[in-house]
């Protein structure tokens, strides 16, 4: 994926499309927020967990025991993903394990547009962004 390299103060890097930018999150510590500046499609948040865990995969599975999730493998990243509807929003979640570090990522969209081709393409773009995440 081509774009701009974002180096987080929270110990990771990620490649964002050129028209994406970070925004300030006042209420969330240890989290970076991003959005498409040319046409808002949703908010992407990335939060690294600062905990030491012997088996991150089993930890995530135990946290998601009451949630239907998909388990995937991206080149260097183990992924657990699911979505939930809340009022007028749909939130997609990805729990990523990269280099034994856990990241919780979310993307919030308008639920009225959840199943449109446009939103499905946007979700593919979000996954392409997340696939570039690397622990520093």
Protein backbone atom coordinates (compact mmCIF):
# COMPACT_ATOMS: atom_id res chain seq x y z
CA UNK A 1 0.00 0.00 0.00
CA UNK A 2 1.37 3.41 -0.89
CA UNK A 3 0.77 6.46 1.26
CA UNK A 4 2.24 8.31 4.18
CA UNK A 5 4.01 6.62 7.06
CA UNK A 6 2.54 7.53 10.45
CA UNK A 7 4.79 6.93 13.46
CA UNK A 8 2.75 6.81 16.64
CA UNK A 9 4.03 8.05 19.95
CA UNK A 10 2.55 4.79 21.28
CA UNK A 11 5.20 2.55 19.68
CA UNK A 12 3.89 1.52 16.27
CA UNK A 13 3.84 2.70 12.68
CA UNK A 14 1.12 2.46 10.06
CA UNK A 15 0.79 3.56 6.44
CA UNK A 16 -2.16 5.86 5.77
CA UNK A 17 -3.55 6.91 2.39
CA UNK A 18 -2.35 10.40 1.42
CA UNK A 19 -5.75 11.95 2.06
CA UNK A 20 -6.02 10.59 5.63
CA UNK A 21 -5.10 12.55 8.73
CA UNK A 22 -4.88 12.08 12.47
CA UNK A 23 -7.39 13.80 14.73
CA UNK A 24 -7.16 14.64 18.43
CA UNK A 25 -8.85 12.29 20.88
CA UNK A 26 -9.45 14.15 24.12
CA UNK A 27 -11.18 11.37 26.08
CA UNK A 28 -9.06 8.40 25.04
CA UNK A 29 -5.51 7.92 26.21
CA UNK A 30 -3.02 5.76 24.31
CA UNK A 31 -5.17 5.94 21.14
CA UNK A 32 -4.66 7.47 17.71
CA UNK A 33 -7.66 8.46 15.61
CA UNK A 34 -7.68 8.85 11.81
CA UNK A 35 -10.14 9.89 9.10
CA UNK A 36 -10.37 10.54 5.37
CA UNK A 37 -10.00 14.32 4.88
CA UNK A 38 -11.36 14.32 1.32
CA UNK A 39 -14.71 12.78 2.25
CA UNK A 40 -15.54 11.50 5.72
CA UNK A 41 -16.42 7.82 5.70
CA UNK A 42 -15.81 6.97 9.35
CA UNK A 43 -13.34 7.16 12.20
CA UNK A 44 -10.49 4.69 12.59
CA UNK A 45 -8.97 4.27 16.05
CA UNK A 46 -5.86 2.30 16.96
CA UNK A 47 -5.08 1.50 20.61
CA UNK A 48 -2.04 -0.56 21.62
CA UNK A 49 -2.49 -2.47 24.88
CA UNK A 50 0.39 -1.98 27.26
CA UNK A 51 0.23 -5.32 29.01
CA UNK A 52 2.55 -8.31 29.11
CA UNK A 53 0.74 -11.53 28.17
CA UNK A 54 2.30 -14.97 27.66
CA UNK A 55 -0.30 -16.09 25.11
CA UNK A 56 -1.98 -13.14 23.35
CA UNK A 57 -4.14 -15.40 21.16
CA UNK A 58 -5.71 -17.18 24.12
CA UNK A 59 -6.11 -13.88 25.97
CA UNK A 60 -8.13 -12.37 23.10
CA UNK A 61 -10.23 -15.51 22.68
CA UNK A 62 -11.06 -15.43 26.40
CA UNK A 63 -12.05 -11.76 26.13
CA UNK A 64 -14.34 -12.50 23.17
CA UNK A 65 -16.03 -15.63 24.52
CA UNK A 66 -19.51 -14.10 24.21
CA UNK A 67 -18.87 -12.50 20.81
CA UNK A 68 -19.04 -14.07 17.37
CA UNK A 69 -15.72 -13.23 15.75
CA UNK A 70 -13.69 -14.20 12.71
CA UNK A 71 -10.13 -15.35 13.15
CA UNK A 72 -7.76 -14.41 10.31
CA UNK A 73 -4.07 -14.33 9.52
CA UNK A 74 -2.57 -11.43 7.62
CA UNK A 75 1.07 -11.86 6.66
CA UNK A 76 2.64 -10.91 10.03
CA UNK A 77 -0.54 -10.17 11.96
CA UNK A 78 -3.03 -12.46 13.72
CA UNK A 79 -6.54 -10.95 13.56
CA UNK A 80 -9.81 -11.35 15.43
CA UNK A 81 -12.64 -9.25 13.98
CA UNK A 82 -16.31 -8.61 14.67
CA UNK A 83 -18.90 -5.84 14.40
CA UNK A 84 -21.75 -4.50 16.49
CA UNK A 85 -24.63 -2.11 15.91
CA UNK A 86 -25.25 0.66 18.44
CA UNK A 87 -28.14 3.09 17.91
CA UNK A 88 -27.38 4.74 14.56
CA UNK A 89 -23.79 3.49 14.22
CA UNK A 90 -22.02 0.29 13.32
CA UNK A 91 -18.60 -0.32 14.84
CA UNK A 92 -16.15 -2.78 13.32
CA UNK A 93 -13.44 -4.13 15.61
CA UNK A 94 -10.12 -5.79 14.90
CA UNK A 95 -7.95 -7.20 17.65
CA UNK A 96 -4.49 -7.47 16.13
CA UNK A 97 -1.46 -9.34 17.39
CA UNK A 98 1.72 -8.07 15.76
CA UNK A 99 5.11 -9.05 17.15
CA UNK A 100 3.42 -10.32 20.38
CA UNK A 101 1.82 -6.90 20.95
CA UNK A 102 -1.99 -6.51 21.03
CA UNK A 103 -3.78 -3.64 19.30
CA UNK A 104 -7.49 -2.89 19.45
CA UNK A 105 -8.67 -1.13 16.31
CA UNK A 106 -12.14 0.13 15.49
CA UNK A 107 -13.89 1.82 12.60
CA UNK A 108 -17.23 3.55 13.12
CA UNK A 109 -19.68 4.12 10.28
CA UNK A 110 -23.30 5.24 9.87
CA UNK A 111 -25.45 2.12 10.27
CA UNK A 112 -27.87 3.29 7.58
CA UNK A 113 -25.12 2.63 5.06
CA UNK A 114 -23.67 -0.54 6.60
CA UNK A 115 -24.16 -2.92 3.69
CA UNK A 116 -23.58 -0.59 0.75
CA UNK A 117 -20.86 -1.31 -1.78
CA UNK A 118 -19.23 1.99 -0.81
CA UNK A 119 -18.92 0.94 2.84
CA UNK A 120 -17.72 -2.54 1.94
CA UNK A 121 -14.96 -0.95 -0.17
CA UNK A 122 -14.16 1.36 2.74
CA UNK A 123 -13.83 -1.63 5.08
CA UNK A 124 -11.42 -3.25 2.62
CA UNK A 125 -9.40 0.01 2.65
CA UNK A 126 -9.36 -0.03 6.46
CA UNK A 127 -8.08 -3.60 6.47
CA UNK A 128 -5.39 -2.65 3.94
CA UNK A 129 -4.32 0.15 6.31
CA UNK A 130 -4.31 -2.17 9.33
CA UNK A 131 -2.22 -4.75 7.46
CA UNK A 132 0.64 -2.20 7.42
CA UNK A 133 0.77 -1.86 11.22
CA UNK A 134 4.21 -2.63 12.68
CA UNK A 135 5.44 -2.47 16.25
CA UNK A 136 8.51 -0.26 16.63
